[in-house]
Structure formats: structure tokens, C-alpha cells
């Protein structure tokens, strides 16, 4: 018996703003100290919300966004700020519950 598989694409399952928020919250929790994981999550959200529209909203190219939001991307903070704002998010910083050493 042969098992057939297909690639999982999280973007196909992010239908509502609540889905997207819960997905991003989970990714931020899982990312620990891995910024590429967060960039990848933003890329998935961007695809779910329409990468072409995001490019128009940020003034960046679609190709540039795909590259910046890939796991190999290294976008500037300015790019991350533009993307998060265009996706309807606000970046915030809060005190950690565990003290830094």
C-alpha cells in the first residue's frame, strides 16, 4: 500500500484575523531565540493575506518580501516594522518574567 502525501501550507488555514493572531502568538512562543522562525511566520501570514497587496502597502517588491521573509532572509528592522504594520500588527516590548543574566 502506497501512502500519498502533500505539502502542508499553513497559509491555507489562516482564514480570519483571529486565526492569524493565534498562529503568530504560537510562533512567537515557539521561536525562543530564533528570529528566522518569526520571519518565516510573517512570510506565511503575508501569503495568507495577499503578498501582492502587502508589497503595495509597504512600498517593497513582492520578490523582496519573499526573500526578506524567508528563513534565509535578513531584513532590516525597518522592513520588519513596515511589514508588521501593513499586516495590522503593532510591535511592542515588555518586561521578561525571567531575569537576564
N, C-alpha and C. Protein backbone atom coordinates (compact mmCIF):
# COMPACT_ATOMS: atom_id res chain seq x y z
N UNK A 1 0.84 -1.18 0.00
CA UNK A 1 0.00 0.00 0.00
C UNK A 1 0.88 1.24 0.00
N UNK A 2 0.65 2.12 -0.95
CA UNK A 2 1.43 3.34 -1.09
C UNK A 2 0.72 4.48 -0.38
N UNK A 3 1.49 5.25 0.38
CA UNK A 3 0.94 6.42 1.06
C UNK A 3 1.28 7.65 0.24
N UNK A 4 0.27 8.43 -0.08
CA UNK A 4 0.48 9.67 -0.82
C UNK A 4 0.41 10.83 0.15
N UNK A 5 1.38 11.73 0.05
CA UNK A 5 1.40 12.89 0.92
C UNK A 5 1.40 14.17 0.09
N UNK A 6 1.01 15.24 0.72
CA UNK A 6 1.07 16.56 0.08
C UNK A 6 1.77 17.51 1.04
N UNK A 7 2.33 18.57 0.50
CA UNK A 7 3.00 19.57 1.34
C UNK A 7 1.96 20.33 2.15
N UNK A 8 2.28 20.56 3.41
CA UNK A 8 1.41 21.34 4.29
C UNK A 8 1.73 22.82 4.08
N UNK A 9 0.71 23.62 3.88
CA UNK A 9 0.88 25.05 3.73
C UNK A 9 -0.01 25.75 4.76
N UNK A 10 0.60 26.22 5.82
CA UNK A 10 -0.14 26.87 6.90
C UNK A 10 -0.96 28.05 6.40
N UNK A 11 -0.50 28.74 5.38
CA UNK A 11 -1.21 29.92 4.87
C UNK A 11 -2.63 29.58 4.42
N UNK A 12 -2.85 28.36 3.96
CA UNK A 12 -4.18 27.95 3.51
C UNK A 12 -5.19 27.87 4.65
N UNK A 13 -4.70 27.79 5.88
CA UNK A 13 -5.58 27.60 7.04
C UNK A 13 -5.74 28.88 7.88
N UNK A 14 -5.12 29.95 7.45
CA UNK A 14 -5.24 31.22 8.16
C UNK A 14 -6.32 32.06 7.47
N UNK A 15 -7.55 31.81 7.84
CA UNK A 15 -8.69 32.42 7.16
C UNK A 15 -9.17 33.72 7.81
N UNK A 16 -9.03 33.83 9.12
CA UNK A 16 -9.57 35.01 9.82
C UNK A 16 -8.44 35.72 10.56
N UNK A 17 -8.71 36.97 10.97
CA UNK A 17 -7.73 37.71 11.75
C UNK A 17 -7.42 36.99 13.06
N UNK A 18 -8.42 36.32 13.63
CA UNK A 18 -8.20 35.58 14.87
C UNK A 18 -7.27 34.39 14.61
N UNK A 19 -7.47 33.68 13.50
CA UNK A 19 -6.57 32.58 13.13
C UNK A 19 -5.13 33.08 13.05
N UNK A 20 -4.97 34.21 12.38
CA UNK A 20 -3.64 34.78 12.17
C UNK A 20 -3.01 35.19 13.49
N UNK A 21 -3.78 35.83 14.36
CA UNK A 21 -3.25 36.25 15.66
C UNK A 21 -2.82 35.05 16.49
N UNK A 22 -3.66 34.03 16.54
CA UNK A 22 -3.32 32.82 17.30
C UNK A 22 -2.08 32.13 16.73
N UNK A 23 -1.98 32.08 15.41
CA UNK A 23 -0.82 31.48 14.76
C UNK A 23 0.45 32.25 15.11
N UNK A 24 0.39 33.58 15.01
CA UNK A 24 1.57 34.39 15.32
C UNK A 24 1.95 34.26 16.79
N UNK A 25 0.97 34.28 17.68
CA UNK A 25 1.26 34.09 19.10
C UNK A 25 1.98 32.77 19.35
N UNK A 26 1.49 31.70 18.73
CA UNK A 26 2.11 30.39 18.90
C UNK A 26 3.53 30.39 18.35
N UNK A 27 3.73 31.01 17.21
CA UNK A 27 5.07 31.05 16.61
C UNK A 27 6.03 31.86 17.48
N UNK A 28 5.57 32.97 18.02
CA UNK A 28 6.43 33.78 18.89
C UNK A 28 6.82 33.00 20.14
N UNK A 29 5.90 32.21 20.65
CA UNK A 29 6.19 31.41 21.84
C UNK A 29 7.19 30.30 21.51
N UNK A 30 7.04 29.68 20.35
CA UNK A 30 7.91 28.57 19.95
C UNK A 30 9.29 29.03 19.48
N UNK A 31 9.40 30.26 19.00
CA UNK A 31 10.62 30.74 18.36
C UNK A 31 11.82 30.80 19.29
N UNK A 32 11.57 31.02 20.59
CA UNK A 32 12.67 31.22 21.54
C UNK A 32 13.59 32.32 21.03
N UNK A 33 14.82 32.00 20.71
CA UNK A 33 15.79 33.00 20.25
C UNK A 33 16.07 32.87 18.76
N UNK A 34 15.11 32.37 17.99
CA UNK A 34 15.33 32.14 16.56
C UNK A 34 14.55 33.15 15.72
N UNK A 35 15.19 34.27 15.35
CA UNK A 35 14.47 35.28 14.57
C UNK A 35 14.01 34.78 13.20
N UNK A 36 14.72 33.81 12.62
CA UNK A 36 14.31 33.32 11.30
C UNK A 36 12.96 32.61 11.38
N UNK A 37 12.65 32.01 12.53
CA UNK A 37 11.36 31.36 12.72
C UNK A 37 10.23 32.40 12.67
N UNK A 38 10.46 33.55 13.29
CA UNK A 38 9.47 34.62 13.29
C UNK A 38 9.32 35.21 11.89
N UNK A 39 10.43 35.39 11.19
CA UNK A 39 10.36 35.90 9.82
C UNK A 39 9.58 34.95 8.93
N UNK A 40 9.83 33.67 9.10
CA UNK A 40 9.11 32.66 8.33
C UNK A 40 7.61 32.74 8.62
N UNK A 41 7.24 32.90 9.89
CA UNK A 41 5.84 33.01 10.28
C UNK A 41 5.21 34.26 9.64
N UNK A 42 5.93 35.37 9.64
CA UNK A 42 5.41 36.59 9.00
C UNK A 42 5.24 36.37 7.49
N UNK A 43 6.14 35.59 6.89
CA UNK A 43 6.01 35.28 5.47
C UNK A 43 4.76 34.45 5.18
N UNK A 44 4.46 33.51 6.05
CA UNK A 44 3.26 32.69 5.89
C UNK A 44 2.01 33.57 6.03
N UNK A 45 2.03 34.44 7.02
CA UNK A 45 0.89 35.36 7.22
C UNK A 45 0.75 36.28 6.01
N UNK A 46 1.86 36.76 5.50
CA UNK A 46 1.83 37.64 4.32
C UNK A 46 1.20 36.92 3.13
N UNK A 47 1.55 35.65 2.93
CA UNK A 47 0.94 34.89 1.83
C UNK A 47 -0.54 34.69 2.06
N UNK A 48 -0.93 34.45 3.32
CA UNK A 48 -2.34 34.24 3.63
C UNK A 48 -3.15 35.51 3.39
N UNK A 49 -2.54 36.66 3.62
CA UNK A 49 -3.26 37.93 3.49
C UNK A 49 -3.12 38.55 2.11
N UNK A 50 -2.24 38.06 1.26
CA UNK A 50 -2.03 38.53 -0.10
C UNK A 50 -0.72 39.30 -0.20
N UNK A 51 0.30 38.61 -0.66
CA UNK A 51 1.64 39.18 -0.76
C UNK A 51 1.68 40.39 -1.70
N UNK A 52 0.91 40.36 -2.77
CA UNK A 52 0.91 41.49 -3.70
C UNK A 52 0.37 42.75 -3.03
N UNK A 53 -0.69 42.60 -2.25
CA UNK A 53 -1.23 43.76 -1.53
C UNK A 53 -0.24 44.25 -0.49
N UNK A 54 0.43 43.34 0.18
CA UNK A 54 1.43 43.73 1.17
C UNK A 54 2.56 44.52 0.50
N UNK A 55 2.96 44.09 -0.68
CA UNK A 55 4.01 44.81 -1.41
C UNK A 55 3.56 46.25 -1.70
N UNK A 56 2.33 46.41 -2.14
CA UNK A 56 1.81 47.76 -2.39
C UNK A 56 1.75 48.58 -1.10
N UNK A 57 1.31 47.96 -0.02
CA UNK A 57 1.15 48.67 1.25
C UNK A 57 2.48 49.08 1.87
N UNK A 58 3.53 48.30 1.63
CA UNK A 58 4.84 48.59 2.22
C UNK A 58 5.76 49.37 1.28
N UNK A 59 5.44 49.39 -0.01
CA UNK A 59 6.32 50.03 -0.98
C UNK A 59 7.51 49.16 -1.34
N UNK A 60 7.46 47.88 -0.98
CA UNK A 60 8.53 46.94 -1.30
C UNK A 60 8.07 46.03 -2.43
N UNK A 61 8.99 45.36 -3.08
CA UNK A 61 8.61 44.44 -4.16
C UNK A 61 8.18 43.10 -3.57
N UNK A 62 7.34 42.39 -4.33
CA UNK A 62 6.93 41.05 -3.90
C UNK A 62 8.16 40.15 -3.73
N UNK A 63 9.06 40.22 -4.70
CA UNK A 63 10.26 39.39 -4.64
C UNK A 63 11.10 39.73 -3.42
N UNK A 64 11.22 41.02 -3.13
CA UNK A 64 11.97 41.46 -1.96
C UNK A 64 11.34 40.97 -0.67
N UNK A 65 10.01 40.98 -0.63
CA UNK A 65 9.30 40.49 0.55
C UNK A 65 9.49 38.99 0.72
N UNK A 66 9.36 38.24 -0.37
CA UNK A 66 9.57 36.79 -0.28
C UNK A 66 10.97 36.49 0.24
N UNK A 67 11.96 37.21 -0.25
CA UNK A 67 13.34 36.98 0.18
C UNK A 67 13.52 37.40 1.64
N UNK A 68 13.03 38.58 2.01
CA UNK A 68 13.20 39.09 3.38
C UNK A 68 12.50 38.20 4.40
N UNK A 69 11.35 37.65 4.04
CA UNK A 69 10.55 36.87 4.98
C UNK A 69 10.80 35.36 4.89
N UNK A 70 11.84 34.98 4.18
CA UNK A 70 12.19 33.56 4.10
C UNK A 70 13.05 33.21 5.32
N UNK A 71 13.25 31.94 5.54
CA UNK A 71 14.08 31.53 6.68
C UNK A 71 15.54 31.94 6.49
N UNK A 72 15.95 32.24 5.25
CA UNK A 72 17.30 32.72 4.97
C UNK A 72 17.37 34.24 4.91
N UNK A 73 16.23 34.90 5.04
CA UNK A 73 16.19 36.36 4.92
C UNK A 73 16.90 37.05 6.06
N UNK A 74 17.32 38.26 5.80
CA UNK A 74 17.97 39.08 6.82
C UNK A 74 17.50 40.52 6.63
N UNK A 75 16.20 40.76 6.85
CA UNK A 75 15.66 42.10 6.59
C UNK A 75 16.11 43.11 7.64
N UNK A 76 16.07 44.36 7.25
CA UNK A 76 16.35 45.42 8.22
C UNK A 76 15.17 45.53 9.18
N UNK A 77 15.42 46.17 10.31
CA UNK A 77 14.33 46.38 11.27
C UNK A 77 13.24 47.23 10.62
N UNK A 78 13.63 48.15 9.79
CA UNK A 78 12.67 48.99 9.08
C UNK A 78 11.72 48.16 8.22
N UNK A 79 12.24 47.15 7.55
CA UNK A 79 11.40 46.28 6.74
C UNK A 79 10.44 45.49 7.62
N UNK A 80 10.92 44.95 8.72
CA UNK A 80 10.06 44.19 9.63
C UNK A 80 8.97 45.11 10.18
N UNK A 81 9.32 46.33 10.53
CA UNK A 81 8.33 47.28 11.06
C UNK A 81 7.27 47.61 10.01
N UNK A 82 7.69 47.83 8.76
CA UNK A 82 6.73 48.11 7.69
C UNK A 82 5.78 46.93 7.46
N UNK A 83 6.34 45.73 7.45
CA UNK A 83 5.55 44.52 7.21
C UNK A 83 4.54 44.31 8.33
N UNK A 84 5.01 44.39 9.58
CA UNK A 84 4.08 44.15 10.69
C UNK A 84 2.98 45.20 10.71
N UNK A 85 3.31 46.45 10.43
CA UNK A 85 2.29 47.49 10.41
C UNK A 85 1.29 47.25 9.28
N UNK A 86 1.79 46.90 8.10
CA UNK A 86 0.90 46.65 6.96
C UNK A 86 0.01 45.43 7.19
N UNK A 87 0.49 44.48 8.00
CA UNK A 87 -0.32 43.30 8.32
C UNK A 87 -1.32 43.57 9.44
N UNK A 88 -1.23 44.76 10.02
CA UNK A 88 -2.18 45.13 11.07
C UNK A 88 -1.71 44.83 12.48
N UNK A 89 -0.40 44.64 12.64
CA UNK A 89 0.17 44.36 13.96
C UNK A 89 0.92 45.57 14.48
N UNK A 90 1.14 45.60 15.78
CA UNK A 90 1.95 46.64 16.41
C UNK A 90 3.04 45.93 17.19
N UNK A 91 4.28 46.33 16.95
CA UNK A 91 5.41 45.76 17.70
C UNK A 91 5.45 46.39 19.09
N UNK A 92 5.60 45.56 20.10
CA UNK A 92 5.72 46.05 21.47
C UNK A 92 6.83 45.28 22.18
N UNK A 93 7.29 45.87 23.26
CA UNK A 93 8.30 45.23 24.09
C UNK A 93 7.78 45.22 25.51
N UNK A 94 7.97 44.10 26.19
CA UNK A 94 7.52 44.02 27.58
C UNK A 94 8.60 43.37 28.41
N UNK A 95 8.53 43.60 29.71
CA UNK A 95 9.49 43.04 30.65
C UNK A 95 9.37 41.52 30.65
N UNK A 96 10.49 40.85 30.60
CA UNK A 96 10.52 39.40 30.64
C UNK A 96 10.26 38.92 32.07
N UNK A 97 9.61 37.79 32.20
CA UNK A 97 9.36 37.23 33.52
C UNK A 97 10.61 36.57 34.09
N UNK A 98 11.57 36.27 33.22
CA UNK A 98 12.82 35.68 33.70
C UNK A 98 13.92 36.73 33.57
N UNK A 99 14.69 36.95 34.62
CA UNK A 99 15.74 37.98 34.57
C UNK A 99 16.86 37.61 33.60
N UNK A 100 17.40 38.63 32.96
CA UNK A 100 18.54 38.42 32.06
C UNK A 100 19.80 38.22 32.88
N UNK A 101 20.71 37.40 32.39
CA UNK A 101 21.96 37.14 33.12
C UNK A 101 23.10 37.80 32.43
